[in-house]
Amino acid sequence: AAPAPRVSEFLVKPERCFLVFYVEEKGSQSIEITRITAIALLTEAIQSLFGKVGDGLYSTEILKIFKKKYVLIAFRRGSLFPIWSSLSLLGYFRGKPVRVRVMKVTPFLASLKSCLEKI
């Protein structure tokens, strides 16, 4: 009889990660987010840390915007730390001091359900 395959051969590593974040102005006011605003924010965050080359390397896809406050994005798994750090370190957006709060990061879209239900 052939030996049983190792358990790791059955595991599938997801290629994409999902991240939920929201933006607030310093002073606890949240900014109204549209798709265009979210694209501009992501572009500015990545370019401020990694330049125009980083903007091309770390592309994101905006999947949904909830209540004009929360943004759900998807990106390649290898881009997790650059995108997360870019968002977390963004200090100004359109000349206003802001703070981006990452609420949850996961490789599985279904696991975001509990986070999104609280919104």
Protein backbone atom coordinates (compact mmCIF):
# COMPACT_ATOMS: atom_id res chain seq x y z
CA ALA A 1 0.00 0.00 0.00
CA ALA A 2 1.19 3.50 -0.79
CA PRO A 3 1.96 5.77 2.14
CA ALA A 4 -0.72 8.31 3.04
CA PRO A 5 -0.04 11.82 1.71
CA ARG A 6 1.19 14.38 4.20
CA VAL A 7 -1.50 16.67 5.61
CA SER A 8 0.19 19.77 4.18
CA GLU A 9 -0.42 18.48 0.65
CA PHE A 10 -4.15 19.00 1.18
CA LEU A 11 -3.94 22.57 2.45
CA VAL A 12 -4.65 25.32 -0.01
CA LYS A 13 -2.95 28.64 0.57
CA PRO A 14 -5.23 31.50 -0.44
CA GLU A 15 -3.79 33.84 -3.06
CA ARG A 16 -5.75 36.88 -1.90
CA CYS A 17 -6.29 38.69 1.37
CA PHE A 18 -9.19 40.88 2.39
CA LEU A 19 -8.98 43.95 4.61
CA VAL A 20 -11.64 46.21 6.14
CA PHE A 21 -10.70 49.73 7.19
CA TYR A 22 -12.19 53.12 7.91
CA VAL A 23 -10.78 56.62 7.97
CA GLU A 24 -11.32 59.26 10.60
CA GLU A 25 -10.10 62.80 10.78
CA LYS A 26 -8.07 63.62 13.83
CA GLY A 27 -10.78 64.72 16.21
CA SER A 28 -12.84 61.52 15.81
CA GLN A 29 -14.92 62.61 12.79
CA SER A 30 -15.17 59.94 10.13
CA ILE A 31 -14.76 60.94 6.50
CA GLU A 32 -17.52 60.10 4.03
CA ILE A 33 -16.00 57.55 1.67
CA THR A 34 -16.96 57.04 -1.95
CA ARG A 35 -15.27 54.71 -4.43
CA ILE A 36 -13.26 57.63 -5.84
CA THR A 37 -12.20 58.76 -2.37
CA ALA A 38 -11.16 55.21 -1.45
CA ILE A 39 -9.07 54.88 -4.63
CA ALA A 40 -7.40 58.25 -3.97
CA LEU A 41 -6.71 57.31 -0.35
CA LEU A 42 -5.19 53.94 -1.22
CA THR A 43 -3.09 55.48 -3.99
CA GLU A 44 -1.84 58.27 -1.72
CA ALA A 45 -1.07 55.86 1.13
CA ILE A 46 0.95 53.47 -1.03
CA GLN A 47 2.73 56.21 -2.99
CA SER A 48 3.70 58.08 0.17
CA LEU A 49 5.53 55.01 1.47
CA PHE A 50 6.66 53.21 -1.71
CA GLY A 51 6.49 55.82 -4.50
CA LYS A 52 4.97 55.33 -7.95
CA VAL A 53 6.68 51.96 -8.36
CA GLY A 54 5.01 50.70 -5.19
CA ASP A 55 1.66 51.90 -6.48
CA GLY A 56 2.10 49.54 -9.43
CA LEU A 57 3.40 46.66 -7.34
CA TYR A 58 0.78 46.71 -4.61
CA SER A 59 -2.50 46.95 -6.44
CA THR A 60 -5.80 46.62 -4.59
CA GLU A 61 -9.39 46.01 -5.60
CA ILE A 62 -12.19 47.81 -3.79
CA LEU A 63 -14.92 45.24 -3.27
CA LYS A 64 -17.47 47.22 -1.30
CA ILE A 65 -18.04 50.37 0.73
CA PHE A 66 -20.35 50.10 3.74
CA LYS A 67 -22.33 53.05 5.11
CA LYS A 68 -19.96 55.48 3.35
CA LYS A 69 -17.44 54.80 6.13
CA TYR A 70 -15.97 51.30 5.84
CA VAL A 71 -14.02 49.97 2.87
CA LEU A 72 -13.49 46.30 1.98
CA ILE A 73 -10.50 45.71 -0.28
CA ALA A 74 -8.83 42.65 -1.79
CA PHE A 75 -5.20 42.25 -2.80
CA ARG A 76 -2.52 39.63 -3.43
CA ARG A 77 -1.36 37.84 -0.30
CA GLY A 78 2.22 39.03 -0.83
CA SER A 79 1.05 42.65 -0.58
CA LEU A 80 -0.41 42.32 2.92
CA PHE A 81 2.32 44.06 4.91
CA PRO A 82 3.03 46.87 2.43
CA ILE A 83 -0.67 47.75 2.11
CA TRP A 84 -1.42 47.44 5.81
CA SER A 85 1.60 49.54 6.77
CA SER A 86 0.84 52.15 4.10
CA LEU A 87 -2.68 52.60 5.43
CA SER A 88 -1.61 52.60 9.08
CA LEU A 89 1.16 55.16 8.53
CA LEU A 90 -0.90 57.58 6.45
CA GLY A 91 -1.03 60.81 8.43
CA TYR A 92 -2.60 63.29 5.98
CA PHE A 93 -5.15 62.94 3.23
CA ARG A 94 -6.09 65.90 1.05
CA GLY A 95 -4.33 68.23 3.44
CA LYS A 96 -6.22 67.08 6.54
CA PRO A 97 -4.76 65.00 9.36
CA VAL A 98 -6.33 61.52 9.30
CA ARG A 99 -6.02 58.13 10.91
CA VAL A 100 -6.81 54.91 9.07
CA ARG A 101 -8.04 52.11 11.30
CA VAL A 102 -7.67 48.59 9.99
CA MET A 103 -10.51 46.58 11.48
CA LYS A 104 -9.78 43.10 10.17
CA VAL A 105 -7.49 41.28 7.77
CA THR A 106 -8.11 37.72 6.62
CA PRO A 107 -7.43 35.39 3.70
CA PHE A 108 -11.02 34.15 3.88
CA LEU A 109 -13.89 36.38 2.83
CA ALA A 110 -16.40 34.35 4.85
CA SER A 111 -14.58 35.12 8.10
CA LEU A 112 -15.33 38.83 7.62
CA LYS A 113 -19.02 38.18 8.16
CA SER A 114 -18.94 38.79 11.92
CA CYS A 115 -16.91 41.99 11.49
CA LEU A 116 -19.23 43.32 8.81
CA GLU A 117 -22.36 42.50 10.81
CA LYS A 118 -21.16 44.86 13.57
CA ILE A 119 -20.95 47.74 11.12
